[in-house]
Amino acid sequence: MGLAGHDRLADLYVAMLLGKKQELSEAQQELFIQSGTMHLFAISGLHVAGIAVALNTLLAIVRVPGRVRFLVGTGVLWAFVDITGGSPSAVRSFWMVTCLLGAQQFRAPGNSLAALVTSALAVLVVDPHQLFSASFQMSYGIVAALLLHGVPLQEKWLEGWRPWAVLPKADWRAWQHGVEATGRGLIGAVALGLASMLVSTPATLAFFGLLSPGGFFVNLVLIPVSGLVLFAGVAAMLVGGLGWAGLASVFNHGAALVLAGMEGAVELALKVPGVAWKAQFVAAWCAPVASAGMLGLLAVGYARGWRAREGGYWLPFAVLGLGLVLGVRLV
């Protein structure tokens, strides 16, 4: 709505909002694959979580009570999953997000790993064969890496982020609050981005034949920015459904501007030497062994509290680096 004459941006918008990667041109697909950002156009846990946050924020703005907001948001979120085609990855992501938000709203013990396991069991009860699918293993693998490694690393780094520690917060100026909040956001983005790399790197090699070291930095910028597109898309659909076409057009144009900036940033990044290389594992069995071994290492590290004398948070990166040196070749 309101993007007539801007077909390229409209296709990007539909692809990101609804996960319809077929709407992208071949050039656009190649662009995002090489930069390691094609996952932004997949209905994953990150994607559905972004939609859920947008829904929850919009409902909170109009002062819908917490539990009612959860129930209404869950219904709308399921409608979104259905609109996207109800793919197994979308359904898995819906259950992951719903289990976590449900625990928070109904004051059950807040445990993200428990929510992840519960959603996985719910999916497998319906279709046990999904356990052996690549999309199931990738979806839950990356989320598990975030919870087992990314969140603890983020919390550790945030403990050391204490600007103006000797000055009471009540005496801070607005710019000091801004610096503190920006630092917290950047720390969180870097920690979670590093954790996701531990699982996404073997997957990208296996499925796309690419090694994208620069993808980390591109994702560091594009993942939070893509949240603005999802927010605008959800807002446009909701206000459009209420008959406010003009306001929906404003949201759509805002999303289009953000997408134009994202596409330009990716094009610019790919001009930098060494951002991405064509590569592959030396043997077919290396990919599943690398993924399973990394998840096992993350589980052990988390269970042992990421002790510094055992390598701490950097041991998985050392193992990943050794695996790339020994098990991957450039083509």
Protein backbone atom coordinates (compact mmCIF):
# COMPACT_ATOMS: atom_id res chain seq x y z
CA MET A 1 0.00 0.00 0.00
CA GLY A 2 1.51 3.29 -1.13
CA LEU A 3 4.61 1.80 -2.84
CA ALA A 4 3.37 1.89 -6.43
CA GLY A 5 6.25 2.59 -8.78
CA HIS A 6 8.83 1.23 -6.34
CA ASP A 7 8.67 -2.44 -7.29
CA ARG A 8 12.21 -3.29 -6.15
CA LEU A 9 11.62 -1.97 -2.65
CA ALA A 10 8.11 -3.45 -2.55
CA ASP A 11 9.54 -6.88 -3.35
CA LEU A 12 12.15 -6.48 -0.60
CA TYR A 13 9.41 -5.43 1.82
CA VAL A 14 7.18 -8.43 1.09
CA ALA A 15 10.16 -10.80 1.20
CA MET A 16 11.29 -9.59 4.62
CA LEU A 17 7.87 -9.18 6.22
CA LEU A 18 6.35 -12.47 5.01
CA GLY A 19 9.47 -14.54 4.42
CA LYS A 20 8.73 -14.86 0.68
CA LYS A 21 12.27 -15.09 -0.63
CA GLN A 22 10.96 -15.89 -4.11
CA GLU A 23 9.94 -12.24 -4.41
CA LEU A 24 13.61 -11.26 -4.53
CA SER A 25 15.36 -10.96 -7.86
CA GLU A 26 18.36 -13.18 -8.56
CA ALA A 27 20.66 -10.21 -8.05
CA GLN A 28 19.07 -9.41 -4.69
CA GLN A 29 19.29 -13.02 -3.55
CA GLU A 30 22.96 -13.21 -4.47
CA LEU A 31 23.59 -9.92 -2.69
CA PHE A 32 22.16 -11.07 0.63
CA ILE A 33 23.55 -14.60 0.39
CA GLN A 34 27.12 -13.34 -0.10
CA SER A 35 26.81 -10.93 2.81
CA GLY A 36 25.50 -13.66 5.13
CA THR A 37 22.21 -11.81 5.67
CA MET A 38 19.80 -14.00 3.71
CA HIS A 39 18.41 -15.24 7.03
CA LEU A 40 16.66 -11.87 7.38
CA PHE A 41 14.19 -13.10 4.76
CA ALA A 42 13.46 -16.42 6.47
CA ILE A 43 10.66 -17.03 8.95
CA SER A 44 12.89 -17.91 11.89
CA GLY A 45 12.83 -17.47 15.65
CA LEU A 46 14.44 -14.05 15.24
CA HIS A 47 11.84 -13.03 12.65
CA VAL A 48 8.80 -14.19 14.64
CA ALA A 49 10.25 -12.70 17.83
CA GLY A 50 10.56 -9.36 16.05
CA ILE A 51 6.92 -9.55 14.97
CA ALA A 52 5.89 -10.50 18.52
CA VAL A 53 7.81 -7.55 20.01
CA ALA A 54 6.18 -5.19 17.50
CA LEU A 55 2.71 -6.52 18.33
CA ASN A 56 3.32 -6.32 22.06
CA THR A 57 4.65 -2.76 21.78
CA LEU A 58 1.72 -1.55 19.70
CA LEU A 59 -0.82 -3.16 22.03
CA ALA A 60 0.97 -1.68 25.04
CA ILE A 61 0.82 1.78 23.45
CA VAL A 62 -3.00 1.56 23.33
CA ARG A 63 -2.93 0.30 26.95
CA VAL A 64 -4.17 -3.26 26.47
CA PRO A 65 -3.69 -5.14 29.80
CA GLY A 66 -0.80 -7.59 30.03
CA ARG A 67 -2.56 -10.96 29.86
CA VAL A 68 -5.10 -9.74 27.35
CA ARG A 69 -2.19 -8.36 25.32
CA PHE A 70 -0.54 -11.78 25.40
CA LEU A 71 -3.70 -13.59 24.28
CA VAL A 72 -4.53 -11.09 21.55
CA GLY A 73 -0.92 -10.90 20.41
CA THR A 74 -0.67 -14.69 20.28
CA GLY A 75 -3.79 -14.88 18.12
CA VAL A 76 -2.52 -12.22 15.73
CA LEU A 77 0.93 -13.84 15.68
CA TRP A 78 -0.61 -17.18 14.72
CA ALA A 79 -2.57 -15.42 11.96
CA PHE A 80 0.73 -14.03 10.70
CA VAL A 81 2.29 -17.51 10.71
CA ASP A 82 -0.72 -18.80 8.78
CA ILE A 83 -0.45 -15.95 6.23
CA THR A 84 3.19 -16.84 5.59
CA GLY A 85 2.12 -20.37 4.68
CA GLY A 86 2.47 -22.09 8.06
CA SER A 87 5.88 -23.54 7.23
CA PRO A 88 7.43 -25.86 9.84
CA SER A 89 10.08 -23.24 10.66
CA ALA A 90 7.39 -20.60 11.23
CA VAL A 91 5.36 -22.92 13.47
CA ARG A 92 8.49 -23.83 15.46
CA SER A 93 9.33 -20.18 15.90
CA PHE A 94 5.77 -19.40 17.00
CA TRP A 95 5.94 -22.04 19.73
CA MET A 96 9.36 -20.85 20.90
CA VAL A 97 8.18 -17.26 21.28
CA THR A 98 4.78 -18.18 22.72
CA CYS A 99 6.22 -20.48 25.38
CA LEU A 100 8.66 -17.80 26.52
CA LEU A 101 6.14 -14.95 26.57
CA GLY A 102 3.51 -17.17 28.18
CA ALA A 103 5.86 -18.01 31.05
CA GLN A 104 6.48 -14.31 31.60
CA GLN A 105 2.84 -13.27 31.48
CA PHE A 106 1.54 -16.02 33.76
CA ARG A 107 4.46 -15.65 36.17
CA ALA A 108 5.80 -19.13 35.67
CA PRO A 109 9.52 -19.56 36.38
CA GLY A 110 11.25 -17.63 33.64
CA ASN A 111 13.62 -20.03 31.93
CA SER A 112 14.38 -19.50 28.26
CA LEU A 113 15.99 -22.92 27.86
CA ALA A 114 12.89 -24.57 29.32
CA ALA A 115 10.73 -22.60 26.87
CA LEU A 116 12.98 -23.71 24.01
CA VAL A 117 12.78 -27.37 25.04
CA THR A 118 9.02 -27.16 25.54
CA SER A 119 8.48 -25.72 22.08
CA ALA A 120 10.75 -28.38 20.54
CA LEU A 121 8.82 -31.16 22.27
CA ALA A 122 5.50 -29.69 21.11
CA VAL A 123 6.73 -29.64 17.52
CA LEU A 124 8.17 -33.16 17.68
CA VAL A 125 4.98 -34.59 19.19
CA VAL A 126 3.14 -33.37 16.08
CA ASP A 127 5.84 -34.48 13.63
CA PRO A 128 8.81 -36.48 15.03
CA HIS A 129 10.50 -36.55 11.62
CA GLN A 130 11.33 -32.86 11.91
CA LEU A 131 14.14 -33.80 14.28
CA PHE A 132 16.15 -34.88 11.22
CA SER A 133 15.41 -31.81 9.08
CA ALA A 134 18.05 -29.17 8.43
CA SER A 135 15.68 -26.29 9.22
CA PHE A 136 14.77 -27.76 12.63
CA GLN A 137 18.39 -28.27 13.59
CA MET A 138 19.44 -24.81 12.39
CA SER A 139 16.53 -22.97 14.02
CA TYR A 140 16.97 -24.57 17.41
CA GLY A 141 20.75 -24.69 17.10
CA ILE A 142 21.15 -20.94 16.68
CA VAL A 143 18.64 -20.13 19.43
CA ALA A 144 20.40 -22.61 21.72
CA ALA A 145 23.74 -20.90 20.98
CA LEU A 146 22.24 -17.54 21.91
CA LEU A 147 20.91 -18.87 25.21
CA LEU A 148 23.90 -21.03 26.15
CA HIS A 149 26.66 -18.65 25.14
CA GLY A 150 25.38 -15.26 23.94
CA VAL A 151 23.24 -14.33 26.94
CA PRO A 152 25.84 -15.30 29.60
CA LEU A 153 28.55 -13.45 27.63
CA GLN A 154 26.31 -10.41 27.39
CA GLU A 155 25.64 -10.45 31.12
CA LYS A 156 29.36 -10.75 31.90
CA TRP A 157 30.27 -7.82 29.68
CA LEU A 158 27.42 -5.70 31.04
CA GLU A 159 28.79 -6.17 34.56
CA GLY A 160 31.85 -4.23 33.47
CA TRP A 161 29.91 -1.51 31.65
CA ARG A 162 29.63 1.12 34.39
CA PRO A 163 30.17 4.58 32.94
CA TRP A 164 30.23 7.31 35.57
CA ALA A 165 29.94 4.66 38.31
CA VAL A 166 30.81 7.16 41.04
CA LEU A 167 28.03 9.52 39.95
CA PRO A 168 24.43 8.71 41.03
CA LYS A 169 22.14 8.08 38.07
CA ALA A 170 19.77 10.74 39.36
CA ASP A 171 22.49 13.31 38.58
CA TRP A 172 23.20 12.07 35.06
CA ARG A 173 22.46 14.31 32.11
CA ALA A 174 20.34 13.11 29.19
CA TRP A 175 23.41 12.47 27.00
CA GLN A 176 24.95 10.29 29.72
CA HIS A 177 21.83 8.13 29.86
CA GLY A 178 22.00 7.93 26.07
CA VAL A 179 25.64 6.80 26.09
CA GLU A 180 24.92 4.19 28.78
CA ALA A 181 21.90 2.80 26.90
CA THR A 182 23.77 2.79 23.57
CA GLY A 183 26.66 0.92 25.16
CA ARG A 184 24.34 -1.69 26.62
CA GLY A 185 22.66 -2.17 23.26
CA LEU A 186 25.96 -2.50 21.42
CA ILE A 187 27.33 -4.95 23.98
CA GLY A 188 24.23 -7.09 23.66
CA ALA A 189 24.33 -7.04 19.86
CA VAL A 190 28.02 -8.02 19.73
CA ALA A 191 27.65 -10.82 22.29
CA LEU A 192 24.61 -12.35 20.60
CA GLY A 193 26.11 -11.89 17.14
CA LEU A 194 29.29 -13.71 18.15
CA ALA A 195 27.28 -16.57 19.65
CA SER A 196 25.13 -17.01 16.56
CA MET A 197 28.31 -17.18 14.43
CA LEU A 198 29.33 -20.36 16.22
CA VAL A 199 26.41 -22.25 14.67
CA SER A 200 25.65 -20.19 11.57
CA THR A 201 29.20 -20.45 10.17
CA PRO A 202 29.09 -24.25 9.62
CA ALA A 203 25.51 -23.94 8.31
CA THR A 204 26.43 -21.22 5.81
CA LEU A 205 29.32 -23.32 4.56
CA ALA A 206 27.14 -26.41 4.22
CA PHE A 207 24.13 -24.85 2.51
CA PHE A 208 25.54 -21.89 0.59
CA GLY A 209 29.19 -22.80 0.07
CA LEU A 210 30.28 -19.51 1.58
CA LEU A 211 32.62 -18.36 4.32
CA SER A 212 31.50 -14.86 5.31
CA PRO A 213 33.75 -13.38 8.03
CA GLY A 214 32.41 -9.93 7.17
CA GLY A 215 28.86 -11.12 7.65
CA PHE A 216 29.21 -10.62 11.39
CA PHE A 217 29.72 -6.88 11.00
CA VAL A 218 26.97 -6.56 8.39
CA ASN A 219 24.55 -8.44 10.62
CA LEU A 220 25.55 -6.31 13.58
CA VAL A 221 24.00 -3.36 11.77
CA LEU A 222 21.23 -5.00 9.75
CA ILE A 223 19.61 -7.23 12.40
CA PRO A 224 18.49 -4.38 14.70
CA VAL A 225 17.62 -2.21 11.69
CA SER A 226 15.46 -4.99 10.22
CA GLY A 227 13.40 -4.79 13.41
CA LEU A 228 12.27 -1.34 12.26
CA VAL A 229 10.97 -2.85 9.02
CA LEU A 230 9.06 -5.56 10.90
CA PHE A 231 7.61 -2.99 13.30
CA ALA A 232 6.49 -0.76 10.44
CA GLY A 233 4.99 -3.72 8.58
CA VAL A 234 2.97 -4.91 11.57
CA ALA A 235 1.81 -1.37 12.30
CA ALA A 236 0.78 -0.87 8.66
CA MET A 237 -1.25 -4.08 8.64
CA LEU A 238 -3.00 -3.24 11.91
CA VAL A 239 -3.91 0.37 11.07
CA GLY A 240 -4.77 -0.62 7.52
CA GLY A 241 -7.16 -3.22 8.89
CA LEU A 242 -8.82 -0.45 10.92
CA GLY A 243 -9.34 1.58 7.75
CA TRP A 244 -6.56 4.14 8.31
CA ALA A 245 -5.04 3.85 4.84
CA GLY A 246 -3.10 7.11 5.06
CA LEU A 247 -1.30 6.10 8.25
CA ALA A 248 -0.60 2.64 6.80
CA SER A 249 1.02 4.32 3.79
CA VAL A 250 3.26 6.34 6.12
CA PHE A 251 4.47 3.16 7.83
CA ASN A 252 5.04 1.46 4.47
CA HIS A 253 7.08 4.36 3.11
CA GLY A 254 9.15 4.41 6.30
CA ALA A 255 9.88 0.70 5.90
CA ALA A 256 10.82 1.24 2.25
CA LEU A 257 13.33 3.94 3.18
CA VAL A 258 14.94 1.65 5.75
CA LEU A 259 15.11 -1.20 3.21
CA ALA A 260 16.74 1.07 0.64
CA GLY A 261 19.41 1.93 3.21
CA MET A 262 19.92 -1.73 4.10
CA GLU A 263 20.36 -2.75 0.47
CA GLY A 264 22.81 0.07 -0.12
CA ALA A 265 24.79 -0.89 2.99
CA VAL A 266 25.08 -4.51 1.81
CA GLU A 267 26.22 -3.43 -1.65
CA LEU A 268 28.86 -1.20 -0.08
CA ALA A 269 30.03 -3.92 2.33
CA LEU A 270 30.54 -6.45 -0.46
CA LYS A 271 33.00 -4.09 -2.13
CA VAL A 272 35.34 -4.56 0.82
CA PRO A 273 37.92 -7.32 0.10
CA GLY A 274 37.60 -10.44 2.23
CA VAL A 275 33.98 -10.01 3.28
CA ALA A 276 33.00 -13.36 1.72
CA TRP A 277 34.75 -16.27 0.01
CA LYS A 278 33.50 -19.31 -1.84
CA ALA A 279 34.39 -22.30 0.34
CA GLN A 280 33.28 -25.80 1.28
CA PHE A 281 34.00 -28.55 3.77
CA VAL A 282 36.63 -31.05 2.71
CA ALA A 283 34.19 -33.91 3.34
CA ALA A 284 30.38 -34.17 3.59
CA TRP A 285 30.47 -35.52 7.15
CA CYS A 286 32.30 -32.41 8.43
CA ALA A 287 29.17 -30.22 8.47
CA PRO A 288 26.99 -32.33 10.82
CA VAL A 289 29.97 -33.19 13.02
CA ALA A 290 30.91 -29.50 13.30
CA SER A 291 27.36 -28.44 14.17
CA ALA A 292 26.69 -31.23 16.68
CA GLY A 293 30.13 -30.88 18.26
CA MET A 294 29.70 -27.13 18.69
CA LEU A 295 26.30 -27.52 20.37
CA GLY A 296 27.76 -30.12 22.70
CA LEU A 297 30.66 -27.83 23.57
CA LEU A 298 28.26 -24.94 24.26
CA ALA A 299 26.13 -27.13 26.53
CA VAL A 300 29.16 -28.27 28.53
CA GLY A 301 30.53 -24.73 28.79
CA TYR A 302 27.18 -23.41 30.00
CA ALA A 303 26.80 -26.22 32.55
CA ARG A 304 30.27 -25.49 33.95
CA GLY A 305 29.72 -21.74 34.09
CA TRP A 306 32.20 -20.87 31.35
CA ARG A 307 35.19 -21.14 33.69
CA ALA A 308 38.18 -19.07 32.61
CA ARG A 309 40.68 -21.82 33.43
CA GLU A 310 38.84 -24.11 30.98
CA GLY A 311 38.98 -21.61 28.13
CA GLY A 312 35.97 -19.55 29.13
CA TYR A 313 33.80 -17.96 26.49
CA TRP A 314 36.59 -18.03 23.90
CA LEU A 315 37.10 -21.80 23.76
CA PRO A 316 34.26 -22.33 21.21
CA PHE A 317 35.82 -19.73 18.90
CA ALA A 318 39.20 -21.45 19.15
CA VAL A 319 37.55 -24.78 18.27
CA LEU A 320 35.64 -23.18 15.38
CA GLY A 321 38.83 -21.59 14.06
CA LEU A 322 40.71 -24.89 14.22
CA GLY A 323 37.85 -26.62 12.42
CA LEU A 324 37.88 -24.03 9.64
CA VAL A 325 41.63 -24.39 9.18
CA LEU A 326 41.56 -28.20 9.08
CA GLY A 327 38.15 -28.93 7.54
CA VAL A 328 37.44 -26.17 5.02
CA ARG A 329 38.96 -25.26 1.67
CA LEU A 330 38.46 -22.22 -0.52
CA VAL A 331 37.10 -22.86 -4.04
